[in-house]
């Protein structure tokens, strides 16, 4: 019998992905093009956490989200995927973390945004989760791109 509450806790951030597919080309500056499909989903560490949950593991995700539409989408997807919400910190204010993905036949491009006002609190939250939780394994992202 294991004393661990989770098999894996994923440490990192989660964002909403707005994915445009079926583009005839990448837009040039000042040009508007139309996508054939649009999908709004969740990305970031949620991708790995959802995959592990689908394999039958007891999974938690340590992340921070805002009290906004984007946070609602992330929470909904976590519930749908069976991911433990206890390590998610939800601010009482908006905290948008969004990536727009442009896909065409040849390649894809990304434009991302995250509100950096909470970066130091985010790192403290992640440290607190690791130091106070009980998991068989902690999964950290390979690196964090610290935005300018």
C-alpha atoms as a PDB file:
ATOM      1  CA  UNK A   1       0.000   0.000   0.000  1.00  0.00           C
ATOM      2  CA  UNK A   2       1.415   3.381  -1.037  1.00  0.00           C
ATOM      3  CA  UNK A   3       1.432   6.499   1.135  1.00  0.00           C
ATOM      4  CA  UNK A   4       1.601   8.713  -1.952  1.00  0.00           C
ATOM      5  CA  UNK A   5      -1.413  10.860  -2.764  1.00  0.00           C
ATOM      6  CA  UNK A   6      -0.490  11.115  -6.468  1.00  0.00           C
ATOM      7  CA  UNK A   7       1.567   9.010  -8.819  1.00  0.00           C
ATOM      8  CA  UNK A   8       2.798  12.161 -10.576  1.00  0.00           C
ATOM      9  CA  UNK A   9       2.520  15.876  -9.902  1.00  0.00           C
ATOM     10  CA  UNK A  10       3.290  17.993 -12.939  1.00  0.00           C
ATOM     11  CA  UNK A  11       5.005  21.253 -12.032  1.00  0.00           C
ATOM     12  CA  UNK A  12       4.679  24.231 -14.355  1.00  0.00           C
ATOM     13  CA  UNK A  13       2.126  26.408 -16.021  1.00  0.00           C
ATOM     14  CA  UNK A  14      -0.930  25.813 -18.107  1.00  0.00           C
ATOM     15  CA  UNK A  15      -2.304  28.058 -20.798  1.00  0.00           C
ATOM     16  CA  UNK A  16      -5.154  28.235 -23.262  1.00  0.00           C
ATOM     17  CA  UNK A  17      -4.277  27.486 -26.855  1.00  0.00           C
ATOM     18  CA  UNK A  18      -6.215  29.153 -29.638  1.00  0.00           C
ATOM     19  CA  UNK A  19      -5.391  27.084 -32.722  1.00  0.00           C
ATOM     20  CA  UNK A  20      -6.105  28.223 -36.275  1.00  0.00           C
ATOM     21  CA  UNK A  21      -5.717  25.431 -38.863  1.00  0.00           C
ATOM     22  CA  UNK A  22      -6.178  25.164 -42.599  1.00  0.00           C
ATOM     23  CA  UNK A  23      -4.419  28.423 -43.357  1.00  0.00           C
ATOM     24  CA  UNK A  24      -3.527  28.845 -47.044  1.00  0.00           C
ATOM     25  CA  UNK A  25      -0.242  30.496 -45.986  1.00  0.00           C
ATOM     26  CA  UNK A  26       1.206  32.422 -43.100  1.00  0.00           C
ATOM     27  CA  UNK A  27      -0.129  35.979 -43.054  1.00  0.00           C
ATOM     28  CA  UNK A  28       2.139  38.795 -44.123  1.00  0.00           C
ATOM     29  CA  UNK A  29       2.226  41.984 -42.081  1.00  0.00           C
ATOM     30  CA  UNK A  30      -0.977  43.900 -42.659  1.00  0.00           C
ATOM     31  CA  UNK A  31      -2.684  40.923 -44.322  1.00  0.00           C
ATOM     32  CA  UNK A  32      -5.798  39.127 -43.087  1.00  0.00           C
ATOM     33  CA  UNK A  33      -6.282  35.479 -43.977  1.00  0.00           C
ATOM     34  CA  UNK A  34      -9.035  33.075 -43.002  1.00  0.00           C
ATOM     35  CA  UNK A  35      -8.615  29.752 -41.225  1.00  0.00           C
ATOM     36  CA  UNK A  36     -10.685  26.691 -42.105  1.00  0.00           C
ATOM     37  CA  UNK A  37     -10.876  25.562 -38.467  1.00  0.00           C
ATOM     38  CA  UNK A  38     -10.569  27.016 -34.986  1.00  0.00           C
ATOM     39  CA  UNK A  39     -10.022  25.155 -31.717  1.00  0.00           C
ATOM     40  CA  UNK A  40      -9.709  26.496 -28.177  1.00  0.00           C
ATOM     41  CA  UNK A  41      -8.033  24.014 -25.862  1.00  0.00           C
ATOM     42  CA  UNK A  42      -5.565  23.815 -22.997  1.00  0.00           C
ATOM     43  CA  UNK A  43      -1.792  23.493 -23.374  1.00  0.00           C
ATOM     44  CA  UNK A  44       1.393  23.820 -21.402  1.00  0.00           C
ATOM     45  CA  UNK A  45       1.890  21.220 -18.669  1.00  0.00           C
ATOM     46  CA  UNK A  46      -1.750  20.163 -19.088  1.00  0.00           C
ATOM     47  CA  UNK A  47      -0.721  18.186 -22.173  1.00  0.00           C
ATOM     48  CA  UNK A  48       1.581  15.920 -20.165  1.00  0.00           C
ATOM     49  CA  UNK A  49      -0.763  15.734 -17.175  1.00  0.00           C
ATOM     50  CA  UNK A  50      -3.718  14.733 -19.364  1.00  0.00           C
ATOM     51  CA  UNK A  51      -1.663  12.048 -21.133  1.00  0.00           C
ATOM     52  CA  UNK A  52      -0.583  10.549 -17.793  1.00  0.00           C
ATOM     53  CA  UNK A  53      -4.147  10.628 -16.480  1.00  0.00           C
ATOM     54  CA  UNK A  54      -5.372   8.811 -19.603  1.00  0.00           C
ATOM     55  CA  UNK A  55      -2.838   6.071 -18.809  1.00  0.00           C
ATOM     56  CA  UNK A  56      -4.604   5.554 -15.484  1.00  0.00           C
ATOM     57  CA  UNK A  57      -2.164   7.408 -13.230  1.00  0.00           C
ATOM     58  CA  UNK A  58      -3.357   9.507 -10.297  1.00  0.00           C
ATOM     59  CA  UNK A  59      -2.206  12.939 -11.478  1.00  0.00           C
ATOM     60  CA  UNK A  60      -1.946  16.420  -9.982  1.00  0.00           C
ATOM     61  CA  UNK A  61      -0.960  19.675 -11.664  1.00  0.00           C
ATOM     62  CA  UNK A  62       0.735  22.533  -9.826  1.00  0.00           C
ATOM     63  CA  UNK A  63      -0.122  25.677 -11.761  1.00  0.00           C
ATOM     64  CA  UNK A  64      -1.619  29.116 -11.328  1.00  0.00           C
ATOM     65  CA  UNK A  65      -4.633  30.467 -13.135  1.00  0.00           C
ATOM     66  CA  UNK A  66      -6.793  33.545 -13.011  1.00  0.00           C
ATOM     67  CA  UNK A  67     -10.400  34.208 -12.154  1.00  0.00           C
ATOM     68  CA  UNK A  68     -11.293  34.713 -15.798  1.00  0.00           C
ATOM     69  CA  UNK A  69     -12.551  32.901 -18.898  1.00  0.00           C
ATOM     70  CA  UNK A  70      -9.115  31.346 -19.502  1.00  0.00           C
ATOM     71  CA  UNK A  71      -8.947  29.971 -15.955  1.00  0.00           C
ATOM     72  CA  UNK A  72     -12.458  28.540 -16.347  1.00  0.00           C
ATOM     73  CA  UNK A  73     -11.409  26.720 -19.521  1.00  0.00           C
ATOM     74  CA  UNK A  74      -8.344  25.240 -17.783  1.00  0.00           C
ATOM     75  CA  UNK A  75     -10.345  24.069 -14.734  1.00  0.00           C
ATOM     76  CA  UNK A  76     -13.013  22.527 -16.964  1.00  0.00           C
ATOM     77  CA  UNK A  77     -10.412  20.599 -18.968  1.00  0.00           C
ATOM     78  CA  UNK A  78      -8.638  19.427 -15.799  1.00  0.00           C
ATOM     79  CA  UNK A  79     -11.916  18.048 -14.453  1.00  0.00           C
ATOM     80  CA  UNK A  80     -12.683  16.415 -17.802  1.00  0.00           C
ATOM     81  CA  UNK A  81      -9.252  14.727 -17.793  1.00  0.00           C
ATOM     82  CA  UNK A  82      -9.490  13.600 -14.140  1.00  0.00           C
ATOM     83  CA  UNK A  83      -6.588  15.741 -12.914  1.00  0.00           C
ATOM     84  CA  UNK A  84      -6.433  16.643  -9.206  1.00  0.00           C
ATOM     85  CA  UNK A  85      -7.072  20.379  -8.751  1.00  0.00           C
ATOM     86  CA  UNK A  86      -5.713  20.710  -5.187  1.00  0.00           C
ATOM     87  CA  UNK A  87      -2.342  22.131  -6.336  1.00  0.00           C
ATOM     88  CA  UNK A  88      -3.839  24.803  -8.605  1.00  0.00           C
ATOM     89  CA  UNK A  89      -3.706  28.312  -7.206  1.00  0.00           C
ATOM     90  CA  UNK A  90      -6.472  30.531  -8.561  1.00  0.00           C
ATOM     91  CA  UNK A  91      -5.990  34.272  -8.269  1.00  0.00           C
ATOM     92  CA  UNK A  92      -8.964  36.523  -7.479  1.00  0.00           C
ATOM     93  CA  UNK A  93      -8.174  38.491 -10.622  1.00  0.00           C
ATOM     94  CA  UNK A  94      -7.521  37.781 -14.299  1.00  0.00           C
ATOM     95  CA  UNK A  95      -4.248  35.991 -15.060  1.00  0.00           C
ATOM     96  CA  UNK A  96      -4.299  35.342 -18.802  1.00  0.00           C
ATOM     97  CA  UNK A  97      -1.873  32.801 -20.220  1.00  0.00           C
ATOM     98  CA  UNK A  98      -2.614  32.317 -23.900  1.00  0.00           C
ATOM     99  CA  UNK A  99      -0.907  30.915 -26.986  1.00  0.00           C
ATOM    100  CA  UNK A 100      -2.200  31.494 -30.509  1.00  0.00           C
ATOM    101  CA  UNK A 101      -1.113  28.793 -32.950  1.00  0.00           C
ATOM    102  CA  UNK A 102      -1.151  29.368 -36.705  1.00  0.00           C
ATOM    103  CA  UNK A 103      -0.984  26.072 -38.664  1.00  0.00           C
ATOM    104  CA  UNK A 104      -0.629  25.708 -42.388  1.00  0.00           C
ATOM    105  CA  UNK A 105       0.557  22.861 -44.624  1.00  0.00           C
ATOM    106  CA  UNK A 106       4.220  23.748 -44.339  1.00  0.00           C
ATOM    107  CA  UNK A 107       4.778  24.865 -40.764  1.00  0.00           C
ATOM    108  CA  UNK A 108       3.291  26.524 -37.721  1.00  0.00           C
ATOM    109  CA  UNK A 109       3.928  29.658 -35.715  1.00  0.00           C
ATOM    110  CA  UNK A 110       3.155  30.623 -32.117  1.00  0.00           C
ATOM    111  CA  UNK A 111       2.375  33.899 -30.395  1.00  0.00           C
ATOM    112  CA  UNK A 112       2.190  33.613 -26.602  1.00  0.00           C
ATOM    113  CA  UNK A 113       1.258  35.896 -23.747  1.00  0.00           C
ATOM    114  CA  UNK A 114       1.417  35.492 -19.984  1.00  0.00           C
ATOM    115  CA  UNK A 115       0.991  38.188 -17.387  1.00  0.00           C
ATOM    116  CA  UNK A 116       4.396  38.360 -15.653  1.00  0.00           C
ATOM    117  CA  UNK A 117       3.126  40.275 -12.620  1.00  0.00           C
ATOM    118  CA  UNK A 118       2.754  37.013 -10.717  1.00  0.00           C
ATOM    119  CA  UNK A 119       6.009  35.306 -11.755  1.00  0.00           C
ATOM    120  CA  UNK A 120       7.679  35.446  -8.321  1.00  0.00           C
ATOM    121  CA  UNK A 121       4.462  34.282  -6.621  1.00  0.00           C
ATOM    122  CA  UNK A 122       4.175  31.519  -9.221  1.00  0.00           C
ATOM    123  CA  UNK A 123       7.661  30.234  -8.404  1.00  0.00           C
ATOM    124  CA  UNK A 124       6.945  30.366  -4.641  1.00  0.00           C
ATOM    125  CA  UNK A 125       3.720  28.436  -5.190  1.00  0.00           C
ATOM    126  CA  UNK A 126       5.510  25.717  -7.147  1.00  0.00           C
ATOM    127  CA  UNK A 127       8.195  25.438  -4.438  1.00  0.00           C
ATOM    128  CA  UNK A 128       5.510  25.171  -1.748  1.00  0.00           C
ATOM    129  CA  UNK A 129       3.715  22.394  -3.649  1.00  0.00           C
ATOM    130  CA  UNK A 130       6.884  20.359  -4.066  1.00  0.00           C
ATOM    131  CA  UNK A 131       7.927  20.776  -0.439  1.00  0.00           C
ATOM    132  CA  UNK A 132       4.511  19.932   1.048  1.00  0.00           C
ATOM    133  CA  UNK A 133       2.969  17.316  -1.264  1.00  0.00           C
ATOM    134  CA  UNK A 134       3.385  13.574  -1.483  1.00  0.00           C
ATOM    135  CA  UNK A 135       3.896  12.146  -4.941  1.00  0.00           C
ATOM    136  CA  UNK A 136       5.778   9.184  -6.293  1.00  0.00           C
ATOM    137  CA  UNK A 137       7.216  11.398  -9.042  1.00  0.00           C
ATOM    138  CA  UNK A 138       7.433  15.133  -9.812  1.00  0.00           C
ATOM    139  CA  UNK A 139       7.641  16.144 -13.451  1.00  0.00           C
ATOM    140  CA  UNK A 140       9.263  19.495 -14.207  1.00  0.00           C
ATOM    141  CA  UNK A 141       9.340  21.130 -17.644  1.00  0.00           C
ATOM    142  CA  UNK A 142      12.728  20.956 -19.378  1.00  0.00           C
ATOM    143  CA  UNK A 143      13.196  24.716 -19.109  1.00  0.00           C
ATOM    144  CA  UNK A 144      11.291  27.925 -18.720  1.00  0.00           C
ATOM    145  CA  UNK A 145      11.515  30.642 -21.294  1.00  0.00           C
ATOM    146  CA  UNK A 146      11.728  33.762 -19.128  1.00  0.00           C
ATOM    147  CA  UNK A 147      10.012  36.422 -21.174  1.00  0.00           C
ATOM    148  CA  UNK A 148      11.656  39.822 -21.604  1.00  0.00           C
END
